[in-house]
Amino acid sequence: MKLSVEISKYPLHQDYIPFIKGFIDRLNEYDDLKVITNTLSTQIFGDYDLVMSVLSTEIKRSYDEFGKAIFVCKFLNGDLSPQ
């Protein structure tokens, strides 16, 4: 099963850009995911189990490394990535 996710990260830190950039950079290291970033959010496309595993790992890592942050996610069944 394929999954599409739109995610926005809001670090509760004054110097927030490195926290967001680091999260996006780590998502881009997964070869089996398609990651598209714009000014409002990051979209992730791939196999359901992989996407959920990556998000679990990277959100936990963000909390461990940087402390408090808000993640807003939208999940859609299927691959809705632009062709």
PDB file of N, CA and C in Angstrom:
ATOM      1  N   MET A   1       0.853  -1.175   0.000  1.00  0.00           N
ATOM      2  CA  MET A   1       0.000   0.000   0.000  1.00  0.00           C
ATOM      3  C   MET A   1       0.897   1.237   0.000  1.00  0.00           C
ATOM      4  N   LYS A   2       0.517   2.213  -0.767  1.00  0.00           N
ATOM      5  CA  LYS A   2       1.248   3.482  -0.835  1.00  0.00           C
ATOM      6  C   LYS A   2       0.600   4.509   0.086  1.00  0.00           C
ATOM      7  N   LEU A   3       1.416   5.487   0.521  1.00  0.00           N
ATOM      8  CA  LEU A   3       0.948   6.526   1.429  1.00  0.00           C
ATOM      9  C   LEU A   3       1.525   7.864   1.013  1.00  0.00           C
ATOM     10  N   SER A   4       0.720   8.900   1.147  1.00  0.00           N
ATOM     11  CA  SER A   4       1.151  10.279   0.938  1.00  0.00           C
ATOM     12  C   SER A   4       0.965  11.029   2.252  1.00  0.00           C
ATOM     13  N   VAL A   5       1.985  11.776   2.648  1.00  0.00           N
ATOM     14  CA  VAL A   5       1.930  12.528   3.898  1.00  0.00           C
ATOM     15  C   VAL A   5       2.384  13.953   3.644  1.00  0.00           C
ATOM     16  N   GLU A   6       1.636  14.890   4.202  1.00  0.00           N
ATOM     17  CA  GLU A   6       2.060  16.285   4.221  1.00  0.00           C
ATOM     18  C   GLU A   6       2.389  16.606   5.673  1.00  0.00           C
ATOM     19  N   ILE A   7       3.598  17.106   5.920  1.00  0.00           N
ATOM     20  CA  ILE A   7       4.031  17.343   7.287  1.00  0.00           C
ATOM     21  C   ILE A   7       4.667  18.726   7.408  1.00  0.00           C
ATOM     22  N   SER A   8       4.347  19.379   8.504  1.00  0.00           N
ATOM     23  CA  SER A   8       4.954  20.668   8.840  1.00  0.00           C
ATOM     24  C   SER A   8       5.525  20.559  10.245  1.00  0.00           C
ATOM     25  N   LYS A   9       6.727  21.076  10.429  1.00  0.00           N
ATOM     26  CA  LYS A   9       7.379  21.046  11.733  1.00  0.00           C
ATOM     27  C   LYS A   9       7.518  22.467  12.251  1.00  0.00           C
ATOM     28  N   TYR A  10       7.131  22.660  13.495  1.00  0.00           N
ATOM     29  CA  TYR A  10       7.225  23.966  14.143  1.00  0.00           C
ATOM     30  C   TYR A  10       8.041  23.817  15.429  1.00  0.00           C
ATOM     31  N   PRO A  11       9.372  23.981  15.345  1.00  0.00           N
ATOM     32  CA  PRO A  11      10.188  23.890  16.557  1.00  0.00           C
ATOM     33  C   PRO A  11       9.872  25.040  17.501  1.00  0.00           C
ATOM     34  N   LEU A  12       9.789  24.746  18.766  1.00  0.00           N
ATOM     35  CA  LEU A  12       9.549  25.783  19.765  1.00  0.00           C
ATOM     36  C   LEU A  12      10.904  26.300  20.236  1.00  0.00           C
ATOM     37  N   HIS A  13      11.563  26.974  19.303  1.00  0.00           N
ATOM     38  CA  HIS A  13      12.910  27.476  19.526  1.00  0.00           C
ATOM     39  C   HIS A  13      13.085  28.731  18.677  1.00  0.00           C
ATOM     40  N   GLN A  14      13.789  29.700  19.207  1.00  0.00           N
ATOM     41  CA  GLN A  14      13.964  30.967  18.491  1.00  0.00           C
ATOM     42  C   GLN A  14      14.705  30.788  17.173  1.00  0.00           C
ATOM     43  N   ASP A  15      15.726  29.945  17.162  1.00  0.00           N
ATOM     44  CA  ASP A  15      16.518  29.695  15.956  1.00  0.00           C
ATOM     45  C   ASP A  15      16.002  28.418  15.293  1.00  0.00           C
ATOM     46  N   TYR A  16      14.840  28.504  14.663  1.00  0.00           N
ATOM     47  CA  TYR A  16      14.109  27.319  14.215  1.00  0.00           C
ATOM     48  C   TYR A  16      14.561  26.748  12.879  1.00  0.00           C
ATOM     49  N   ILE A  17      15.184  27.531  12.018  1.00  0.00           N
ATOM     50  CA  ILE A  17      15.505  27.064  10.661  1.00  0.00           C
ATOM     51  C   ILE A  17      16.424  25.836  10.652  1.00  0.00           C
ATOM     52  N   PRO A  18      17.510  25.799  11.433  1.00  0.00           N
ATOM     53  CA  PRO A  18      18.357  24.590  11.411  1.00  0.00           C
ATOM     54  C   PRO A  18      17.603  23.330  11.849  1.00  0.00           C
ATOM     55  N   PHE A  19      16.643  23.462  12.744  1.00  0.00           N
ATOM     56  CA  PHE A  19      15.875  22.315  13.206  1.00  0.00           C
ATOM     57  C   PHE A  19      14.999  21.754  12.080  1.00  0.00           C
ATOM     58  N   ILE A  20      14.388  22.640  11.333  1.00  0.00           N
ATOM     59  CA  ILE A  20      13.537  22.221  10.211  1.00  0.00           C
ATOM     60  C   ILE A  20      14.395  21.652   9.089  1.00  0.00           C
ATOM     61  N   LYS A  21      15.459  22.340   8.746  1.00  0.00           N
ATOM     62  CA  LYS A  21      16.341  21.898   7.659  1.00  0.00           C
ATOM     63  C   LYS A  21      16.937  20.527   7.959  1.00  0.00           C
ATOM     64  N   GLY A  22      17.359  20.311   9.195  1.00  0.00           N
ATOM     65  CA  GLY A  22      17.921  19.013   9.561  1.00  0.00           C
ATOM     66  C   GLY A  22      16.921  17.882   9.389  1.00  0.00           C
ATOM     67  N   PHE A  23      15.683  18.125   9.776  1.00  0.00           N
ATOM     68  CA  PHE A  23      14.625  17.123   9.633  1.00  0.00           C
ATOM     69  C   PHE A  23      14.403  16.791   8.151  1.00  0.00           C
ATOM     70  N   ILE A  24      14.308  17.819   7.325  1.00  0.00           N
ATOM     71  CA  ILE A  24      14.094  17.607   5.884  1.00  0.00           C
ATOM     72  C   ILE A  24      15.284  16.903   5.264  1.00  0.00           C
ATOM     73  N   ASP A  25      16.491  17.301   5.633  1.00  0.00           N
ATOM     74  CA  ASP A  25      17.696  16.656   5.097  1.00  0.00           C
ATOM     75  C   ASP A  25      17.721  15.169   5.421  1.00  0.00           C
ATOM     76  N   ARG A  26      17.334  14.817   6.638  1.00  0.00           N
ATOM     77  CA  ARG A  26      17.314  13.401   7.018  1.00  0.00           C
ATOM     78  C   ARG A  26      16.254  12.636   6.222  1.00  0.00           C
ATOM     79  N   LEU A  27      15.096  13.240   5.981  1.00  0.00           N
ATOM     80  CA  LEU A  27      14.071  12.565   5.170  1.00  0.00           C
ATOM     81  C   LEU A  27      14.598  12.281   3.770  1.00  0.00           C
ATOM     82  N   ASN A  28      15.367  13.204   3.227  1.00  0.00           N
ATOM     83  CA  ASN A  28      15.909  13.044   1.875  1.00  0.00           C
ATOM     84  C   ASN A  28      16.978  11.965   1.779  1.00  0.00           C
ATOM     85  N   GLU A  29      17.468  11.449   2.893  1.00  0.00           N
ATOM     86  CA  GLU A  29      18.472  10.394   2.877  1.00  0.00           C
ATOM     87  C   GLU A  29      17.876   9.016   2.605  1.00  0.00           C
ATOM     88  N   TYR A  30      16.565   8.895   2.679  1.00  0.00           N
ATOM     89  CA  TYR A  30      15.901   7.610   2.435  1.00  0.00           C
ATOM     90  C   TYR A  30      15.606   7.483   0.942  1.00  0.00           C
ATOM     91  N   ASP A  31      16.348   6.587   0.280  1.00  0.00           N
ATOM     92  CA  ASP A  31      16.248   6.456  -1.172  1.00  0.00           C
ATOM     93  C   ASP A  31      14.878   6.006  -1.661  1.00  0.00           C
ATOM     94  N   ASP A  32      14.148   5.243  -0.864  1.00  0.00           N
ATOM     95  CA  ASP A  32      12.865   4.694  -1.308  1.00  0.00           C
ATOM     96  C   ASP A  32      11.689   5.629  -1.049  1.00  0.00           C
ATOM     97  N   LEU A  33      11.963   6.830  -0.565  1.00  0.00           N
ATOM     98  CA  LEU A  33      10.915   7.832  -0.363  1.00  0.00           C
ATOM     99  C   LEU A  33      11.056   8.937  -1.391  1.00  0.00           C
ATOM    100  N   LYS A  34       9.933   9.474  -1.803  1.00  0.00           N
ATOM    101  CA  LYS A  34       9.935  10.687  -2.614  1.00  0.00           C
ATOM    102  C   LYS A  34       9.580  11.829  -1.669  1.00  0.00           C
ATOM    103  N   VAL A  35      10.436  12.855  -1.603  1.00  0.00           N
ATOM    104  CA  VAL A  35      10.242  13.970  -0.694  1.00  0.00           C
ATOM    105  C   VAL A  35      10.208  15.260  -1.506  1.00  0.00           C
ATOM    106  N   ILE A  36       9.147  16.026  -1.341  1.00  0.00           N
ATOM    107  CA  ILE A  36       8.987  17.311  -2.013  1.00  0.00           C
ATOM    108  C   ILE A  36       8.773  18.366  -0.939  1.00  0.00           C
ATOM    109  N   THR A  37       9.577  19.406  -0.984  1.00  0.00           N
ATOM    110  CA  THR A  37       9.490  20.461   0.023  1.00  0.00           C
ATOM    111  C   THR A  37       9.097  21.775  -0.639  1.00  0.00           C
ATOM    112  N   ASN A  38       8.204  22.503   0.021  1.00  0.00           N
ATOM    113  CA  ASN A  38       7.883  23.860  -0.417  1.00  0.00           C
ATOM    114  C   ASN A  38       7.938  24.769   0.809  1.00  0.00           C
ATOM    115  N   THR A  39       7.527  25.997   0.668  1.00  0.00           N
ATOM    116  CA  THR A  39       7.654  26.954   1.768  1.00  0.00           C
ATOM    117  C   THR A  39       6.708  26.673   2.932  1.00  0.00           C
ATOM    118  N   LEU A  40       5.676  25.879   2.722  1.00  0.00           N
ATOM    119  CA  LEU A  40       4.691  25.628   3.772  1.00  0.00           C
ATOM    120  C   LEU A  40       4.799  24.259   4.417  1.00  0.00           C
ATOM    121  N   SER A  41       5.280  23.267   3.674  1.00  0.00           N
ATOM    122  CA  SER A  41       5.280  21.906   4.202  1.00  0.00           C
ATOM    123  C   SER A  41       6.229  21.022   3.406  1.00  0.00           C
ATOM    124  N   THR A  42       6.357  19.806   3.877  1.00  0.00           N
ATOM    125  CA  THR A  42       7.100  18.772   3.175  1.00  0.00           C
ATOM    126  C   THR A  42       6.137  17.635   2.888  1.00  0.00           C
ATOM    127  N   GLN A  43       6.193  17.131   1.676  1.00  0.00           N
ATOM    128  CA  GLN A  43       5.334  16.018   1.284  1.00  0.00           C
ATOM    129  C   GLN A  43       6.199  14.785   1.102  1.00  0.00           C
ATOM    130  N   ILE A  44       5.719  13.664   1.637  1.00  0.00           N
ATOM    131  CA  ILE A  44       6.455  12.412   1.606  1.00  0.00           C
ATOM    132  C   ILE A  44       5.573  11.361   0.955  1.00  0.00           C
ATOM    133  N   PHE A  45       6.159  10.608   0.021  1.00  0.00           N
ATOM    134  CA  PHE A  45       5.413   9.589  -0.715  1.00  0.00           C
ATOM    135  C   PHE A  45       6.205   8.293  -0.707  1.00  0.00           C
ATOM    136  N   GLY A  46       5.528   7.183  -0.472  1.00  0.00           N
ATOM    137  CA  GLY A  46       6.206   5.896  -0.514  1.00  0.00           C
ATOM    138  C   GLY A  46       5.353   4.794   0.064  1.00  0.00           C
ATOM    139  N   ASP A  47       5.996   3.647   0.279  1.00  0.00           N
ATOM    140  CA  ASP A  47       5.323   2.497   0.859  1.00  0.00           C
ATOM    141  C   ASP A  47       4.870   2.830   2.276  1.00  0.00           C
ATOM    142  N   TYR A  48       3.658   2.447   2.615  1.00  0.00           N
ATOM    143  CA  TYR A  48       3.056   2.784   3.908  1.00  0.00           C
ATOM    144  C   TYR A  48       3.979   2.447   5.076  1.00  0.00           C
ATOM    145  N   ASP A  49       4.436   1.193   5.127  1.00  0.00           N
ATOM    146  CA  ASP A  49       5.249   0.761   6.264  1.00  0.00           C
ATOM    147  C   ASP A  49       6.549   1.545   6.359  1.00  0.00           C
ATOM    148  N   LEU A  50       7.174   1.831   5.227  1.00  0.00           N
ATOM    149  CA  LEU A  50       8.416   2.599   5.232  1.00  0.00           C
ATOM    150  C   LEU A  50       8.172   4.029   5.690  1.00  0.00           C
ATOM    151  N   VAL A  51       7.150   4.678   5.143  1.00  0.00           N
ATOM    152  CA  VAL A  51       6.854   6.067   5.516  1.00  0.00           C
ATOM    153  C   VAL A  51       6.587   6.173   7.015  1.00  0.00           C
ATOM    154  N   MET A  52       5.772   5.275   7.546  1.00  0.00           N
ATOM    155  CA  MET A  52       5.441   5.333   8.971  1.00  0.00           C
ATOM    156  C   MET A  52       6.662   5.048   9.840  1.00  0.00           C
ATOM    157  N   SER A  53       7.501   4.129   9.416  1.00  0.00           N
ATOM    158  CA  SER A  53       8.726   3.817  10.154  1.00  0.00           C
ATOM    159  C   SER A  53       9.688   5.001  10.157  1.00  0.00           C
ATOM    160  N   VAL A  54       9.864   5.617   9.002  1.00  0.00           N
ATOM    161  CA  VAL A  54      10.751   6.778   8.884  1.00  0.00           C
ATOM    162  C   VAL A  54      10.234   7.930   9.737  1.00  0.00           C
ATOM    163  N   LEU A  55       8.947   8.211   9.661  1.00  0.00           N
ATOM    164  CA  LEU A  55       8.388   9.297  10.469  1.00  0.00           C
ATOM    165  C   LEU A  55       8.558   9.022  11.956  1.00  0.00           C
ATOM    166  N   SER A  56       8.314   7.804  12.374  1.00  0.00           N
ATOM    167  CA  SER A  56       8.500   7.456  13.785  1.00  0.00           C
ATOM    168  C   SER A  56       9.943   7.688  14.219  1.00  0.00           C
ATOM    169  N   THR A  57      10.873   7.230  13.417  1.00  0.00           N
ATOM    170  CA  THR A  57      12.293   7.381  13.729  1.00  0.00           C
ATOM    171  C   THR A  57      12.710   8.840  13.757  1.00  0.00           C
ATOM    172  N   GLU A  58      12.340   9.596  12.726  1.00  0.00           N
ATOM    173  CA  GLU A  58      12.836  10.965  12.590  1.00  0.00           C
ATOM    174  C   GLU A  58      12.129  11.952  13.523  1.00  0.00           C
ATOM    175  N   ILE A  59      10.866  11.734  13.814  1.00  0.00           N
ATOM    176  CA  ILE A  59      10.188  12.596  14.788  1.00  0.00           C
ATOM    177  C   ILE A  59      10.782  12.362  16.171  1.00  0.00           C
ATOM    178  N   LYS A  60      11.004  11.103  16.536  1.00  0.00           N
ATOM    179  CA  LYS A  60      11.629  10.799  17.828  1.00  0.00           C
ATOM    180  C   LYS A  60      13.022  11.424  17.895  1.00  0.00           C
ATOM    181  N   ARG A  61      13.783  11.279  16.830  1.00  0.00           N
ATOM    182  CA  ARG A  61      15.135  11.866  16.790  1.00  0.00           C
ATOM    183  C   ARG A  61      15.077  13.376  16.980  1.00  0.00           C
ATOM    184  N   SER A  62      14.104  14.029  16.343  1.00  0.00           N
ATOM    185  CA  SER A  62      13.939  15.482  16.497  1.00  0.00           C
ATOM    186  C   SER A  62      13.680  15.858  17.945  1.00  0.00           C
ATOM    187  N   TYR A  63      12.804  15.103  18.596  1.00  0.00           N
ATOM    188  CA  TYR A  63      12.526  15.383  20.007  1.00  0.00           C
ATOM    189  C   TYR A  63      13.763  15.153  20.876  1.00  0.00           C
ATOM    190  N   ASP A  64      14.475  14.056  20.611  1.00  0.00           N
ATOM    191  CA  ASP A  64      15.674  13.745  21.394  1.00  0.00           C
ATOM    192  C   ASP A  64      16.755  14.805  21.220  1.00  0.00           C
ATOM    193  N   GLU A  65      16.943  15.297  20.004  1.00  0.00           N
ATOM    194  CA  GLU A  65      18.030  16.233  19.713  1.00  0.00           C
ATOM    195  C   GLU A  65      17.682  17.682  20.031  1.00  0.00           C
ATOM    196  N   PHE A  66      16.444  18.075  19.762  1.00  0.00           N
ATOM    197  CA  PHE A  66      16.119  19.501  19.799  1.00  0.00           C
ATOM    198  C   PHE A  66      15.051  19.886  20.808  1.00  0.00           C
ATOM    199  N   GLY A  67      14.426  18.935  21.436  1.00  0.00           N
ATOM    200  CA  GLY A  67      13.414  19.268  22.429  1.00  0.00           C
ATOM    201  C   GLY A  67      12.041  19.465  21.819  1.00  0.00           C
ATOM    202  N   LYS A  68      11.313  20.417  22.337  1.00  0.00           N
ATOM    203  CA  LYS A  68       9.909  20.597  21.973  1.00  0.00           C
ATOM    204  C   LYS A  68       9.729  21.090  20.536  1.00  0.00           C
ATOM    205  N   ALA A  69       8.748  20.483  19.875  1.00  0.00           N
ATOM    206  CA  ALA A  69       8.367  20.880  18.518  1.00  0.00           C
ATOM    207  C   ALA A  69       6.949  20.378  18.278  1.00  0.00           C
ATOM    208  N   ILE A  70       6.278  21.045  17.378  1.00  0.00           N
ATOM    209  CA  ILE A  70       4.937  20.636  16.968  1.00  0.00           C
ATOM    210  C   ILE A  70       5.044  20.086  15.551  1.00  0.00           C
ATOM    211  N   PHE A  71       4.451  18.925  15.320  1.00  0.00           N
ATOM    212  CA  PHE A  71       4.359  18.346  13.987  1.00  0.00           C
ATOM    213  C   PHE A  71       2.890  18.302  13.593  1.00  0.00           C
ATOM    214  N   VAL A  72       2.573  18.830  12.428  1.00  0.00           N
ATOM    215  CA  VAL A  72       1.219  18.778  11.886  1.00  0.00           C
ATOM    216  C   VAL A  72       1.289  17.902  10.645  1.00  0.00           C
ATOM    217  N   CYS A  73       0.502  16.818  10.635  1.00  0.00           N
ATOM    218  CA  CYS A  73       0.566  15.845   9.541  1.00  0.00           C
ATOM    219  C   CYS A  73      -0.815  15.586   8.954  1.00  0.00           C
ATOM    220  N   LYS A  74      -0.816  15.356   7.652  1.00  0.00           N
ATOM    221  CA  LYS A  74      -2.009  14.898   6.947  1.00  0.00           C
ATOM    222  C   LYS A  74      -1.611  13.622   6.208  1.00  0.00           C
ATOM    223  N   PHE A  75      -2.401  12.570   6.371  1.00  0.00           N
ATOM    224  CA  PHE A  75      -2.128  11.281   5.759  1.00  0.00           C
ATOM    225  C   PHE A  75      -3.204  10.968   4.740  1.00  0.00           C
ATOM    226  N   LEU A  76      -2.772  10.547   3.551  1.00  0.00           N
ATOM    227  CA  LEU A  76      -3.704  10.179   2.488  1.00  0.00           C
ATOM    228  C   LEU A  76      -3.300   8.835   1.913  1.00  0.00           C
ATOM    229  N   ASN A  77      -4.264   7.950   1.759  1.00  0.00           N
ATOM    230  CA  ASN A  77      -4.008   6.636   1.173  1.00  0.00           C
ATOM    231  C   ASN A  77      -3.657   6.801  -0.299  1.00  0.00           C
ATOM    232  N   GLY A  78      -2.605   6.132  -0.741  1.00  0.00           N
ATOM    233  CA  GLY A  78      -2.206   6.157  -2.139  1.00  0.00           C
ATOM    234  C   GLY A  78      -1.042   7.101  -2.377  1.00  0.00           C
ATOM    235  N   ASP A  79      -0.473   6.992  -3.555  1.00  0.00           N
ATOM    236  CA  ASP A  79       0.636   7.858  -3.960  1.00  0.00           C
ATOM    237  C   ASP A  79       0.068   9.007  -4.784  1.00  0.00           C
ATOM    238  N   LEU A  80      -0.002  10.169  -4.189  1.00  0.00           N
ATOM    239  CA  LEU A  80      -0.548  11.350  -4.864  1.00  0.00           C
ATOM    240  C   LEU A  80       0.547  12.294  -5.323  1.00  0.00           C
ATOM    241  N   SER A  81       1.767  11.773  -5.473  1.00  0.00           N
ATOM    242  CA  SER A  81       2.877  12.612  -5.907  1.00  0.00           C
ATOM    243  C   SER A  81       2.688  13.058  -7.353  1.00  0.00           C
ATOM    244  N   PRO A  82       3.189  14.260  -7.666  1.00  0.00           N
ATOM    245  CA  PRO A  82       3.124  14.704  -9.057  1.00  0.00           C
ATOM    246  C   PRO A  82       3.942  13.772  -9.947  1.00  0.00           C
ATOM    247  N   GLN A  83       3.435  13.467 -11.070  1.00  0.00           N
ATOM    248  CA  GLN A  83       4.134  12.522 -11.964  1.00  0.00           C
ATOM    249  C   GLN A  83       5.194  13.205 -12.741  1.00  0.00           C
TER     250      GLN A  83
END
